[in-house]
Structure formats: C-alpha cells, structure tokens
Amino acid sequence: HHRYCGGSIRHVHLAVGADPSTSMTVSFASIDSDSGESVHGAVLVGRSPHKFDQLVLEEEDPIYYTSMQPKHYNGAIYSSPYQHHITITGLKPRSTYYYLCITRGTIEELLDIQDNLASMQQDPEAVAKQINAEEKFMTHEPEDAGRRNLKSRILMEESLLRRRLAPPPYDSTQCACPDPNKIRSFKTMAPPGHGYPKLAVIGDIGQFPHSEETWDHLRTHHTDIDSIILAGDLAYPELDHYRWETFMDFLDDYPLAEKVPMHITPGNHDIGKPQNGTQIFAAYEARFRMPRIQAPDLGDYVGPLGTLNMDRPPYPLDYDYGNAYYAFQYGKTHQIFLNSYSAMEPGSKQYEWLVDELERVNRRVTPWLLFTYHVPIYNTFEVHQHDAQMFMMREHIEPLLVRYKVNVVFNGHIHAYERTKPVAFGKVTKTGPIHIVMGAGGRAAKAQFMSDTPEDWVEVRDATIYGYGLLEICNKTHARWDWVHTGKGKSEYNAVKNENVTLPPGGVDHTFFENQYFMTE
C-alpha cells in the first residue's frame, strides 16, 4: 500500500550537521533508481519564504540501493528511489531558515539557477517560473486529506494483536503525495555551550495506528521541541523494502521531521538481511544521513543463509561509521549515539572512537552527556534477557558510562517503558547514569515483568501504555523529564512471567533530574 508519486520529491527529513548551530542536512527521495534517467538534487535556502539567497548543490552522487524481496515477491529485486543528502553550512545560530528541495536532470540546469539567483531575488515571479518547472506530476490535496479514521484502525490493530497477528503497515494511498514545491523551514540550534534544548525520544515507533497516534500527538502538542531521537527499530519492514517506502510516506503525511532534525540509532529490525542474501543495514544507511564521523564501513552478513532471527541477531555485525554511531554537541548537551550491533569491545572501531569522543567532552561547555542505543543494559522485563548485545554492552560500555558520569541513556528494544534510578553495575548510586527504555512508541506495548517485585534500581516500569519522552534542559544542573502517554495497549494491567498476577499501569512519570556530574559519592 505504498503510493506512487511519479518521481516527485518526497520523504523530506532533517538531521543536524557537524555543528548544529551552523549546519543542517536535508534529505529527500526523488525518481526511481531503475528509471534509466539521471537526476541531481539541490536545496534553495533563504531567511524568508520565496526569497532564497543560496542554492546548495549535493556534493555526492545520489544514493540508491537494491535488495532481494521476500519469497512471496517471486524473486523480485527492489530498487530504491534516489536518495539525496545535502548539508547546508554557514548558517547563523538560533535562526529560522526556509528551504525548497529541487531536482534537475543535469547539473548544468542547477548551475543556471545558481547563476541567476541574485537577479531572481529581485523578481519573485521569475523565481516561481523557473523553480515550478521542477514538478508537473499531479495536483495536490491538503496533507491530511483522505486519511482514514485513526481510532477505527487502532481498534483493528488491537483485534489483530489479540489473535497474535502483526498489524498491517501504514497505507499511504489514503493521502495525496506531498507538494513537491512546498517551502519548508527549520531553526538552527544555539552554539555549543549555549541554549537549553528540548528533546523528544521515541523507541520502536514502526508505522502502525499507534505509531500515528504517538507521532501526531508529538507533532500537535509540542511544537517547541528542538530535535527528535528515534531509539531504533524504525520501519519494521519485515524484509519488504516497500515498507520502507510506506514508513517514509508516514513521516511525510504527519510532517514533523521536515522541520525538526531527527537522529536515529539502529535496531535489530533495521538490519534488513534478505532471506537468502548477505546484505545488512542497506536501507538504514541509504535513506538517512546523520552527522558522520566518516563514510560507512559496511560489510556483509557472515553466517548461514536463510531467514535471520531478528529477535536474536548474532554479535557482531560488520557495520562501522556512517549512521551506525556518531556524536554532536547540541546546546548544553553532548549527544552520543552507538550501534548495539557493531563490535564494541576494546580494540574495535566503535570502542576506540567512543573513548576518544568521551575524552573530548567538556562538561563546562556541555554539562549534560546523553547516550542513545537500542539494546538496554537494564531490563526489568522477561523479553530479551539473553541478547548477546546486552551482555557486551554491560561488559564494555557500562564502565565508560559510569567513569564519564553519563547523565541519561535512552534505549528501545523492549516494547514497554522503564526508568531506572541512577545506577552503576547493578547498584543504586546517585552518580550513576539513569537508563530509560522508550520502546512503546508504536509497534506494541506488551512485555511481562520478570518478577512482581521490581529490582532495586527500578523507578518506574509499565507495558500497558504507548507514548514518548520529553527531556528539557533547564540549566547546567537540572533537567525536566516527562513520559507522555498517547494510547493504551491491549491489556489494562501489567503481567508477571509465570505468575497469575496482574499489576496496575505504571502511572505518570514527570520528574526533574539533577546532573550527576556535579555530585559526589
């Protein structure tokens, strides 16, 4: 149920550049890579709508990938649309910019626009005439036109879950294609060490009715957020790459990532190994562009052919740099994103980079140190208790989290909510990191507790409520945390493994964090 837009510009989303106060990366899709046509992308940028003063060309050829589809496609090969990633630099901090994505068949046509840009600013009609020649694909309805009733689809999803059936992916044919001539906007962050960002955190979002509920609630209720963290398991494609299309369509139809930068970490359902192939993370790497350390070092899956058990992938997988792991300073935060599925032991590329990155953190400039990775170290639920990645994180990453006094760790993976007390090596300590599982973003809200008595390090736990988190930095010593409820799971009560016991929902979780860096034991 993906829609056909005839090669029109779509799937527009943002991520910060190397310096979030002066750069932003705009990503979008265009024509199909198997169309036989060539395409080049660019972004027009200005401080006001319809008055662009800069044309930024892409510095690399458009990206695409191909992959084998599942067996029910009878051996078909999927070819992605061309993906364009264009980083705009030289921006002013704390400033709003307007932008327009464009494509042309030749680079010369883009250079003509660039040459004529100064004169076109004096003649808005000339701007419109030359730029609107871009797309002649279709007429466009309002973004919400034709969307089916969300409540009825949530009821259908709950009915499927009761029968232990997976809900269907997003049906993007219910909405028109996005307007290819839409002028969008974004706002740059304050310079490092300045500004107090407000971050939204969602794990395991997927593209299901509760996913829409969560994303739309964030979009309409918190228009003041500065960036979004997706803690892995993005599209749930189940090896069908058209489901990546419908996931990106979903983001188009609830426009938020086109104006607020979105930063991701890989989950197990983002691995994407074909049933009888060795390719891994192809869609995840091609469709997004995080602030890279360097170009990806992405190898093949080594192991038996056949369907990979996505709930228990082997460790490690051959994926370094690119969108696998990266870091940036964002106002008074230093944010580090890791890959739970890459090698992380001492001597590995990820570990050695991480140690270097932690040594560069200056808590006088960025007093808040935040981590995001998919697989949690602390897990009060019965699922994923034996993941190799969890044990490797506990052995190699947790000592660094404790040593460098990391403030908060965001995870997904478990389709539930959990917030720990400050904890180090299983013991509650006021200088230890706080670990937050935000895995009930949309795919499911369902996981049994290991025990009816929570571990000493558990502060809040629940598997009945969908939602997202908000972290708002107040000053160098305090931050506010809110767990925002957006929907109810199929059960009103929490279950306990192997026990005929039910426990009430976790309730609300609104609190303030005190910066552990400034504390003493």
Protein backbone atom coordinates (compact mmCIF):
# COMPACT_ATOMS: atom_id res chain seq x y z
CA HIS A 1 0.00 0.00 0.00
CA HIS A 2 2.72 2.47 -0.91
CA ARG A 3 1.68 5.32 -3.15
CA TYR A 4 3.20 6.15 -6.48
CA CYS A 5 4.32 9.76 -6.84
CA GLY A 6 5.94 9.56 -10.26
CA GLY A 7 9.40 10.53 -9.04
CA SER A 8 8.15 13.63 -7.25
CA ILE A 9 10.21 14.97 -4.32
CA ARG A 10 9.13 13.27 -1.10
CA HIS A 11 10.43 11.77 2.15
CA VAL A 12 11.93 15.08 3.24
CA HIS A 13 13.62 14.99 6.64
CA LEU A 14 16.38 16.74 8.56
CA ALA A 15 19.40 15.93 10.70
CA VAL A 16 21.95 18.28 12.16
CA GLY A 17 25.32 18.78 10.53
CA ALA A 18 28.68 18.60 12.27
CA ASP A 19 27.92 21.90 14.03
CA PRO A 20 24.16 22.04 14.72
CA SER A 21 24.31 25.79 15.24
CA THR A 22 25.59 26.50 11.72
CA SER A 23 24.66 23.48 9.57
CA MET A 24 21.70 21.25 8.71
CA THR A 25 21.38 18.22 6.43
CA VAL A 26 18.29 17.99 4.23
CA SER A 27 17.44 14.53 2.90
CA PHE A 28 14.81 13.60 0.32
CA ALA A 29 13.91 10.99 -2.30
CA SER A 30 13.25 11.57 -6.00
CA ILE A 31 12.96 9.34 -9.09
CA ASP A 32 13.34 5.57 -9.04
CA SER A 33 16.93 4.45 -9.47
CA ASP A 34 15.89 1.92 -12.14
CA SER A 35 14.11 4.56 -14.25
CA GLY A 36 17.06 4.93 -16.61
CA GLU A 37 17.06 8.69 -16.03
CA SER A 38 19.66 10.83 -14.33
CA VAL A 39 18.87 13.26 -11.54
CA HIS A 40 20.71 15.84 -9.46
CA GLY A 41 19.42 17.47 -6.32
CA ALA A 42 19.84 20.81 -4.59
CA VAL A 43 18.28 22.92 -1.86
CA LEU A 44 17.31 26.59 -2.13
CA VAL A 45 17.74 28.38 1.22
CA GLY A 46 16.76 31.81 2.50
CA ARG A 47 15.74 33.75 5.58
CA SER A 48 12.19 34.29 4.33
CA PRO A 49 9.80 32.31 2.10
CA HIS A 50 10.17 32.91 -1.65
CA LYS A 51 13.34 34.91 -1.14
CA PHE A 52 16.17 32.44 -1.45
CA ASP A 53 19.73 33.69 -1.41
CA GLN A 54 21.62 30.42 -1.68
CA LEU A 55 21.45 27.27 -3.77
CA VAL A 56 23.27 24.34 -2.15
CA LEU A 57 24.21 21.53 -4.52
CA GLU A 58 24.69 17.96 -3.38
CA GLU A 59 28.36 17.14 -3.01
CA GLU A 60 27.99 13.46 -3.87
CA ASP A 61 26.02 11.46 -6.39
CA PRO A 62 22.51 10.47 -5.31
CA ILE A 63 22.45 7.22 -3.34
CA TYR A 64 20.36 4.17 -4.07
CA TYR A 65 20.38 0.51 -3.18
CA THR A 66 18.87 -2.73 -4.44
CA SER A 67 17.83 -5.75 -2.44
CA MET A 68 16.10 -9.09 -2.81
CA GLN A 69 12.46 -9.03 -1.81
CA PRO A 70 10.80 -11.77 0.30
CA LYS A 71 9.78 -15.04 -1.29
CA HIS A 72 6.17 -14.01 -1.91
CA TYR A 73 7.52 -11.46 -4.44
CA ASN A 74 8.75 -14.42 -6.53
CA GLY A 75 12.39 -13.40 -6.70
CA ALA A 76 11.80 -9.72 -7.44
CA ILE A 77 14.60 -7.22 -6.84
CA TYR A 78 13.70 -3.97 -5.14
CA SER A 79 15.34 -0.77 -6.38
CA SER A 80 15.07 2.27 -4.14
CA PRO A 81 14.38 5.81 -5.25
CA TYR A 82 17.43 8.03 -5.45
CA GLN A 83 18.24 9.45 -2.02
CA HIS A 84 19.66 12.97 -1.83
CA HIS A 85 21.54 14.21 1.25
CA ILE A 86 22.54 17.87 1.13
CA THR A 87 24.29 19.61 4.03
CA ILE A 88 23.77 23.36 4.29
CA THR A 89 26.63 25.15 6.06
CA GLY A 90 27.42 28.73 7.00
CA LEU A 91 24.09 29.26 8.77
CA LYS A 92 23.57 31.59 11.71
CA PRO A 93 22.84 30.13 15.16
CA ARG A 94 19.34 30.37 16.61
CA SER A 95 17.92 31.39 13.24
CA THR A 96 14.96 30.29 11.15
CA TYR A 97 15.61 29.34 7.52
CA TYR A 98 13.24 28.45 4.70
CA TYR A 99 14.16 25.85 2.13
CA LEU A 100 12.93 24.23 -1.06
CA CYS A 101 14.18 20.90 -2.39
CA ILE A 102 14.62 20.77 -6.17
CA THR A 103 15.95 18.33 -8.77
CA ARG A 104 17.06 18.62 -12.36
CA GLY A 105 18.19 16.14 -15.00
CA THR A 106 21.59 17.76 -15.37
CA ILE A 107 23.95 19.63 -13.09
CA GLU A 108 24.10 22.43 -15.69
CA GLU A 109 20.44 23.24 -15.09
CA LEU A 110 21.11 23.62 -11.37
CA LEU A 111 24.12 25.80 -12.06
CA ASP A 112 21.92 28.04 -14.23
CA ILE A 113 19.59 28.56 -11.28
CA GLN A 114 22.59 29.30 -9.08
CA ASP A 115 23.93 31.86 -11.57
CA ASN A 116 20.55 33.57 -11.88
CA LEU A 117 19.75 33.53 -8.17
CA ALA A 118 20.81 37.11 -7.44
CA SER A 119 18.69 38.58 -10.23
CA MET A 120 15.75 36.31 -9.46
CA GLN A 121 15.59 37.67 -5.92
CA GLN A 122 14.51 40.97 -7.43
CA ASP A 123 11.78 39.25 -9.44
CA PRO A 124 9.74 36.75 -7.41
CA GLU A 125 7.73 35.77 -10.48
CA ALA A 126 10.93 34.67 -12.20
CA VAL A 127 11.76 32.55 -9.18
CA ALA A 128 8.40 30.85 -9.30
CA LYS A 129 8.55 30.30 -13.05
CA GLN A 130 11.98 28.69 -13.09
CA ILE A 131 11.55 26.64 -9.95
CA ASN A 132 7.98 25.48 -10.55
CA ALA A 133 9.12 23.99 -13.83
CA GLU A 134 10.53 21.37 -11.47
CA GLU A 135 7.45 19.23 -10.93
CA LYS A 136 4.44 18.59 -13.15
CA PHE A 137 3.38 15.34 -11.58
CA MET A 138 -0.08 15.89 -10.11
CA THR A 139 -2.39 18.21 -8.28
CA HIS A 140 -2.08 18.11 -4.52
CA GLU A 141 -4.67 17.94 -1.83
CA PRO A 142 -4.14 19.11 1.77
CA GLU A 143 -1.72 16.91 3.73
CA ASP A 144 -4.48 15.40 5.88
CA ALA A 145 -6.89 14.81 3.01
CA GLY A 146 -8.34 11.32 2.79
CA ARG A 147 -6.73 9.94 5.94
CA ARG A 148 -8.89 7.15 7.30
CA ASN A 149 -10.27 7.29 10.84
CA LEU A 150 -7.38 6.57 13.19
CA LYS A 151 -9.50 5.30 16.08
CA SER A 152 -11.07 2.58 13.95
CA ARG A 153 -7.66 1.40 12.80
CA ILE A 154 -6.39 1.28 16.39
CA LEU A 155 -9.34 -0.97 17.26
CA MET A 156 -8.47 -3.17 14.28
CA GLU A 157 -4.84 -3.33 15.43
CA GLU A 158 -5.86 -4.41 18.93
CA SER A 159 -8.06 -7.12 17.43
CA LEU A 160 -5.10 -8.45 15.42
CA LEU A 161 -2.82 -8.37 18.46
CA ARG A 162 -5.32 -10.36 20.48
CA ARG A 163 -5.07 -13.02 17.78
CA ARG A 164 -1.26 -12.68 17.87
CA LEU A 165 -1.18 -11.32 14.33
CA ALA A 166 1.07 -8.43 13.31
CA PRO A 167 -0.81 -5.26 12.40
CA PRO A 168 -0.54 -4.20 8.76
CA PRO A 169 1.93 -1.44 7.84
CA TYR A 170 0.90 2.10 7.02
CA ASP A 171 -1.35 2.51 3.98
CA SER A 172 -0.02 5.64 2.34
CA THR A 173 -2.51 5.52 -0.53
CA GLN A 174 -5.00 7.20 1.83
CA CYS A 175 -3.21 10.55 1.34
CA ALA A 176 -2.07 12.53 -1.67
CA CYS A 177 1.60 12.83 -2.49
CA PRO A 178 3.30 15.77 -0.77
CA ASP A 179 3.55 19.00 -2.70
CA PRO A 180 6.97 18.91 -4.43
CA ASN A 181 7.07 22.72 -4.42
CA LYS A 182 6.42 23.02 -0.70
CA ILE A 183 8.57 25.57 1.08
CA ARG A 184 9.61 24.23 4.47
CA SER A 185 11.53 25.71 7.37
CA PHE A 186 13.91 24.78 10.18
CA LYS A 187 15.64 26.53 13.05
CA THR A 188 19.32 26.19 13.93
CA MET A 189 20.49 25.49 17.47
CA ALA A 190 22.44 27.87 19.69
CA PRO A 191 26.25 27.45 19.64
CA PRO A 192 27.71 24.63 21.78
CA GLY A 193 27.52 25.58 25.43
CA HIS A 194 24.56 27.90 24.85
CA GLY A 195 20.87 27.18 24.67
CA TYR A 196 18.70 24.70 26.53
CA PRO A 197 17.27 22.16 24.07
CA LYS A 198 14.04 20.25 24.43
CA LEU A 199 14.33 16.74 23.01
CA ALA A 200 11.64 14.19 22.13
CA VAL A 201 12.52 10.49 22.49
CA ILE A 202 10.67 7.61 20.81
CA GLY A 203 11.66 3.96 20.55
CA ASP A 204 10.36 1.21 18.26
CA ILE A 205 7.96 3.55 16.50
CA GLY A 206 7.05 1.48 13.45
CA GLN A 207 4.26 2.51 11.08
CA PHE A 208 1.11 1.26 12.73
CA PRO A 209 -2.01 3.00 14.08
CA HIS A 210 -0.41 3.58 17.49
CA SER A 211 2.68 4.90 15.67
CA GLU A 212 0.49 7.52 14.00
CA GLU A 213 -1.10 8.32 17.34
CA THR A 214 2.29 8.86 19.01
CA TRP A 215 3.85 10.88 16.17
CA ASP A 216 0.80 13.05 15.64
CA HIS A 217 0.47 13.76 19.36
CA LEU A 218 4.08 14.94 19.46
CA ARG A 219 3.58 16.99 16.27
CA THR A 220 0.48 18.80 17.51
CA HIS A 221 1.11 19.13 21.26
CA HIS A 222 4.81 20.03 21.48
CA THR A 223 5.67 22.45 18.72
CA ASP A 224 8.61 23.77 20.75
CA ILE A 225 10.83 20.69 20.53
CA ASP A 226 14.31 21.18 19.08
CA SER A 227 15.11 17.64 17.93
CA ILE A 228 13.82 14.07 17.90
CA ILE A 229 15.62 10.89 18.94
CA LEU A 230 14.44 7.56 17.46
CA ALA A 231 15.97 4.79 19.54
CA GLY A 232 15.99 2.10 16.85
CA ASP A 233 13.52 -0.23 15.08
CA LEU A 234 12.19 2.40 12.73
CA ALA A 235 10.07 0.91 9.93
CA TYR A 236 9.60 -2.80 10.76
CA PRO A 237 9.93 -3.71 7.08
CA GLU A 238 10.00 -7.48 7.70
CA LEU A 239 12.36 -7.75 4.68
CA ASP A 240 9.86 -5.95 2.40
CA HIS A 241 11.54 -2.75 1.22
CA TYR A 242 8.27 -1.25 0.07
CA ARG A 243 7.56 -0.95 3.78
CA TRP A 244 10.44 1.49 4.00
CA GLU A 245 8.55 3.47 1.36
CA THR A 246 5.37 3.45 3.45
CA PHE A 247 7.31 4.40 6.60
CA MET A 248 8.79 7.42 4.87
CA ASP A 249 5.34 8.22 3.45
CA PHE A 250 4.04 8.12 7.02
CA LEU A 251 6.58 10.74 8.03
CA ASP A 252 5.51 12.84 5.04
CA ASP A 253 1.83 12.62 5.95
CA TYR A 254 2.46 13.78 9.53
CA PRO A 255 5.02 16.49 8.69
CA LEU A 256 7.42 16.95 11.58
CA ALA A 257 10.82 15.56 10.56
CA GLU A 258 10.89 18.11 7.71
CA LYS A 259 11.19 20.96 10.23
CA VAL A 260 12.73 19.31 13.33
CA PRO A 261 16.01 17.36 12.99
CA MET A 262 15.65 13.64 13.66
CA HIS A 263 18.50 11.43 14.88
CA ILE A 264 18.48 7.64 14.79
CA THR A 265 20.23 4.58 16.12
CA PRO A 266 19.99 1.12 14.51
CA GLY A 267 17.71 -1.55 15.94
CA ASN A 268 17.51 -5.26 15.20
CA HIS A 269 14.58 -4.75 12.81
CA ASP A 270 16.69 -2.28 10.84
CA ILE A 271 19.27 -4.96 9.91
CA GLY A 272 17.29 -5.99 6.84
CA LYS A 273 19.22 -9.09 5.77
CA PRO A 274 17.38 -10.72 2.82
CA GLN A 275 16.21 -14.28 3.29
CA ASN A 276 18.93 -15.69 1.07
CA GLY A 277 21.32 -12.75 0.90
CA THR A 278 24.15 -11.24 2.92
CA GLN A 279 23.31 -7.53 2.69
CA ILE A 280 22.74 -5.70 6.01
CA PHE A 281 21.56 -2.20 7.01
CA ALA A 282 21.22 -1.15 3.35
CA ALA A 283 18.01 0.88 3.74
CA TYR A 284 19.01 2.30 7.12
CA GLU A 285 22.29 3.61 5.74
CA ALA A 286 20.98 4.88 2.40
CA ARG A 287 17.83 6.69 3.48
CA PHE A 288 19.28 8.79 6.32
CA ARG A 289 22.32 10.95 6.84
CA MET A 290 23.48 11.54 10.38
CA PRO A 291 26.50 13.78 11.22
CA ARG A 292 29.09 11.24 10.11
CA ILE A 293 32.49 10.53 11.56
CA GLN A 294 33.33 9.23 8.08
CA ALA A 295 31.72 7.25 5.26
CA PRO A 296 30.24 3.90 6.31
CA ASP A 297 32.35 0.79 6.57
CA LEU A 298 29.58 -1.68 5.85
CA GLY A 299 30.32 -5.33 5.20
CA ASP A 300 28.16 -8.39 4.57
CA TYR A 301 26.47 -10.78 6.93
CA VAL A 302 28.65 -13.80 7.64
CA GLY A 303 26.66 -16.85 8.61
CA PRO A 304 24.14 -19.36 7.33
CA LEU A 305 21.77 -18.24 4.59
CA GLY A 306 18.06 -18.24 5.19
CA THR A 307 15.87 -16.03 7.33
CA LEU A 308 17.76 -14.26 10.12
CA ASN A 309 16.05 -14.35 13.52
CA MET A 310 15.66 -10.59 14.01
CA ASP A 311 14.91 -11.11 17.69
CA ARG A 312 18.29 -12.72 18.25
CA PRO A 313 20.81 -11.46 15.67
CA PRO A 314 24.43 -12.57 16.05
CA TYR A 315 27.15 -10.38 17.51
CA PRO A 316 28.90 -8.53 15.97
CA LEU A 317 27.68 -7.37 12.59
CA ASP A 318 30.12 -5.68 10.21
CA TYR A 319 28.94 -2.06 10.29
CA ASP A 320 31.03 0.92 11.38
CA TYR A 321 30.78 4.71 10.96
CA GLY A 322 28.12 6.19 8.64
CA ASN A 323 24.80 6.14 10.52
CA ALA A 324 25.99 3.38 12.84
CA TYR A 325 27.44 5.62 15.55
CA TYR A 326 28.23 9.32 15.80
CA ALA A 327 28.14 12.30 18.17
CA PHE A 328 27.48 16.03 18.23
CA GLN A 329 27.19 18.95 20.61
CA TYR A 330 23.70 20.38 20.88
CA GLY A 331 23.33 23.45 23.07
CA LYS A 332 24.35 22.39 26.55
CA THR A 333 24.22 18.69 25.65
CA HIS A 334 26.80 16.33 24.18
CA GLN A 335 24.90 13.51 22.49
CA ILE A 336 26.44 10.16 21.59
CA PHE A 337 24.67 7.50 19.51
CA LEU A 338 26.01 3.93 19.49
CA ASN A 339 25.25 0.81 17.48
CA SER A 340 24.28 -2.15 19.66
CA TYR A 341 25.05 -4.49 16.75
CA SER A 342 28.57 -3.35 15.84
CA ALA A 343 31.65 -4.65 17.61
CA MET A 344 32.15 -2.73 20.87
CA GLU A 345 34.96 -4.49 22.73
CA PRO A 346 38.30 -2.71 23.32
CA GLY A 347 40.20 -2.57 20.04
CA SER A 348 37.06 -2.35 17.93
CA LYS A 349 36.47 0.74 15.81
CA GLN A 350 33.37 1.73 17.75
CA TYR A 351 35.01 1.36 21.17
CA GLU A 352 38.17 3.24 20.27
CA TRP A 353 36.17 6.06 18.67
CA LEU A 354 33.92 6.23 21.74
CA VAL A 355 36.83 6.55 24.17
CA ASP A 356 38.30 9.36 22.05
CA GLU A 357 34.91 11.09 21.90
CA LEU A 358 34.42 10.86 25.66
CA GLU A 359 37.85 12.33 26.25
CA ARG A 360 36.81 15.34 24.14
CA VAL A 361 33.68 16.05 26.17
CA ASN A 362 34.00 19.34 28.05
CA ARG A 363 31.38 19.42 30.82
CA ARG A 364 31.95 23.13 31.35
CA VAL A 365 30.65 23.68 27.81
CA THR A 366 28.18 20.78 27.55
CA PRO A 367 27.34 19.73 31.12
CA TRP A 368 24.74 17.18 30.01
CA LEU A 369 26.06 13.95 28.46
CA LEU A 370 23.38 11.83 26.76
CA PHE A 371 23.65 8.39 25.15
CA THR A 372 21.27 6.58 22.79
CA TYR A 373 21.50 2.94 21.68
CA HIS A 374 18.88 0.28 21.05
CA VAL A 375 19.50 -2.63 23.44
CA PRO A 376 19.17 -1.73 27.14
CA ILE A 377 21.63 -2.83 29.80
CA TYR A 378 18.93 -2.64 32.48
CA ASN A 379 15.79 -4.62 31.72
CA THR A 380 13.07 -5.47 34.24
CA PHE A 381 11.04 -7.34 31.60
CA GLU A 382 11.23 -11.01 30.67
CA VAL A 383 11.94 -10.45 26.96
CA HIS A 384 15.46 -10.04 25.52
CA GLN A 385 17.12 -11.18 28.74
CA HIS A 386 19.67 -13.25 26.83
CA ASP A 387 20.70 -10.93 23.99
CA ALA A 388 24.44 -11.07 23.36
CA GLN A 389 24.40 -7.34 22.74
CA MET A 390 23.13 -6.67 26.27
CA PHE A 391 25.98 -8.64 27.82
CA MET A 392 28.56 -6.94 25.60
CA MET A 393 27.16 -3.51 26.49
CA ARG A 394 27.26 -4.39 30.15
CA GLU A 395 30.85 -5.59 29.96
CA HIS A 396 32.40 -2.94 27.71
CA ILE A 397 30.14 0.12 27.60
CA GLU A 398 28.76 0.44 31.13
CA PRO A 399 32.22 1.04 32.69
CA LEU A 400 32.60 4.03 30.35
CA LEU A 401 29.12 5.32 31.19
CA VAL A 402 29.99 5.25 34.88
CA ARG A 403 33.53 6.58 34.55
CA TYR A 404 32.50 9.60 32.49
CA LYS A 405 29.35 10.27 34.54
CA VAL A 406 26.87 9.96 31.71
CA ASN A 407 23.57 11.53 32.72
CA VAL A 408 20.89 9.69 30.75
CA VAL A 409 20.86 6.63 28.46
CA PHE A 410 17.94 6.19 26.03
CA ASN A 411 17.03 2.73 24.71
CA GLY A 412 14.26 0.93 22.85
CA HIS A 413 14.02 -2.80 22.03
CA ILE A 414 11.56 -3.68 24.82
CA HIS A 415 8.02 -2.66 23.89
CA ALA A 416 7.48 -1.01 27.22
CA TYR A 417 8.54 1.90 29.42
CA GLU A 418 11.17 1.79 32.13
CA ARG A 419 13.14 4.40 34.03
CA THR A 420 15.86 3.42 36.43
CA LYS A 421 17.22 5.23 39.41
CA PRO A 422 20.82 6.41 39.00
CA VAL A 423 22.59 3.05 38.83
CA ALA A 424 26.09 1.65 38.34
CA PHE A 425 26.89 -2.05 37.93
CA GLY A 426 23.51 -3.07 39.32
CA LYS A 427 23.68 -0.91 42.43
CA VAL A 428 21.80 2.31 43.04
CA THR A 429 24.23 5.20 43.32
CA LYS A 430 23.43 8.89 42.98
CA THR A 431 26.25 9.50 40.49
CA GLY A 432 25.29 6.64 38.17
CA PRO A 433 23.51 7.09 34.83
CA ILE A 434 19.72 6.98 34.53
CA HIS A 435 18.59 4.43 31.94
CA ILE A 436 15.27 4.97 30.13
CA VAL A 437 13.59 2.40 27.87
CA MET A 438 11.19 4.14 25.46
CA GLY A 439 10.17 1.07 23.44
CA ALA A 440 6.38 1.56 23.36
CA GLY A 441 6.42 4.20 20.64
CA GLY A 442 4.04 2.43 18.28
CA ARG A 443 4.84 -1.21 17.46
CA ALA A 444 3.45 -2.63 20.69
CA ALA A 445 3.00 -2.02 24.40
CA LYS A 446 3.44 -5.51 25.73
CA ALA A 447 6.09 -7.18 27.91
CA GLN A 448 5.81 -9.21 31.10
CA PHE A 449 7.76 -8.29 34.23
CA MET A 450 10.41 -10.75 35.37
CA SER A 451 9.02 -10.51 38.89
CA ASP A 452 6.14 -8.85 40.70
CA THR A 453 8.77 -7.17 42.89
CA PRO A 454 10.80 -4.65 40.88
CA GLU A 455 14.57 -4.64 41.06
CA ASP A 456 16.11 -2.12 43.45
CA TRP A 457 17.21 0.04 40.54
CA VAL A 458 13.72 0.37 39.00
CA GLU A 459 11.99 3.71 39.45
CA VAL A 460 9.05 3.31 37.03
CA ARG A 461 8.02 0.42 34.78
CA ASP A 462 5.00 -0.26 32.57
CA ALA A 463 3.97 -2.24 29.48
CA THR A 464 0.39 -1.07 29.02
CA ILE A 465 0.81 2.46 27.67
CA TYR A 466 2.11 3.87 24.39
CA GLY A 467 3.99 7.14 24.42
CA TYR A 468 7.15 9.18 24.08
CA GLY A 469 9.51 11.08 26.34
CA LEU A 470 10.48 14.73 26.60
CA LEU A 471 13.79 15.86 28.07
CA GLU A 472 14.07 19.60 28.61
CA ILE A 473 17.40 21.01 29.76
CA CYS A 474 16.69 23.72 32.36
CA ASN A 475 20.24 24.73 33.29
CA LYS A 476 23.58 23.05 33.88
CA THR A 477 22.37 21.21 36.97
CA HIS A 478 18.72 20.32 36.30
CA ALA A 479 16.60 18.86 33.50
CA ARG A 480 12.93 18.00 33.34
CA TRP A 481 11.72 14.58 32.19
CA ASP A 482 8.15 13.80 31.08
CA TRP A 483 6.72 10.48 29.95
CA VAL A 484 3.84 11.46 27.67
CA HIS A 485 1.02 8.91 27.31
CA THR A 486 -0.56 8.66 23.87
CA GLY A 487 -2.56 5.42 23.89
CA LYS A 488 -3.40 2.23 25.73
CA GLY A 489 -2.17 -1.25 24.92
CA LYS A 490 -4.41 -4.29 24.62
CA SER A 491 -4.17 -5.02 28.37
CA GLU A 492 -5.12 -2.67 31.18
CA TYR A 493 -2.78 -4.44 33.59
CA ASN A 494 0.86 -5.49 33.68
CA ALA A 495 1.55 -9.22 33.70
CA VAL A 496 4.30 -11.11 35.51
CA LYS A 497 6.19 -14.03 33.98
CA ASN A 498 4.93 -17.47 35.04
CA GLU A 499 2.66 -15.98 37.71
CA ASN A 500 -1.07 -15.44 37.89
CA VAL A 501 -0.51 -11.88 38.98
CA THR A 502 -1.52 -8.59 37.43
CA LEU A 503 -0.19 -5.20 38.44
CA PRO A 504 -1.64 -1.75 37.72
CA PRO A 505 -0.26 0.56 35.00
CA GLY A 506 2.89 2.49 35.78
CA GLY A 507 1.07 5.78 36.10
CA VAL A 508 2.56 9.16 35.29
CA ASP A 509 6.28 9.93 35.30
CA HIS A 510 7.10 13.62 35.49
CA THR A 511 10.29 14.47 37.34
CA PHE A 512 13.46 16.52 37.42
CA PHE A 513 16.96 15.09 37.01
CA GLU A 514 19.90 16.50 38.90
CA ASN A 515 23.17 16.46 36.96
CA GLN A 516 25.28 13.61 38.35
CA TYR A 517 28.49 15.24 37.12
CA PHE A 518 28.29 17.83 39.88
CA MET A 519 27.57 15.29 42.61
CA THR A 520 29.96 13.42 44.85
CA GLU A 521 29.55 9.87 46.10
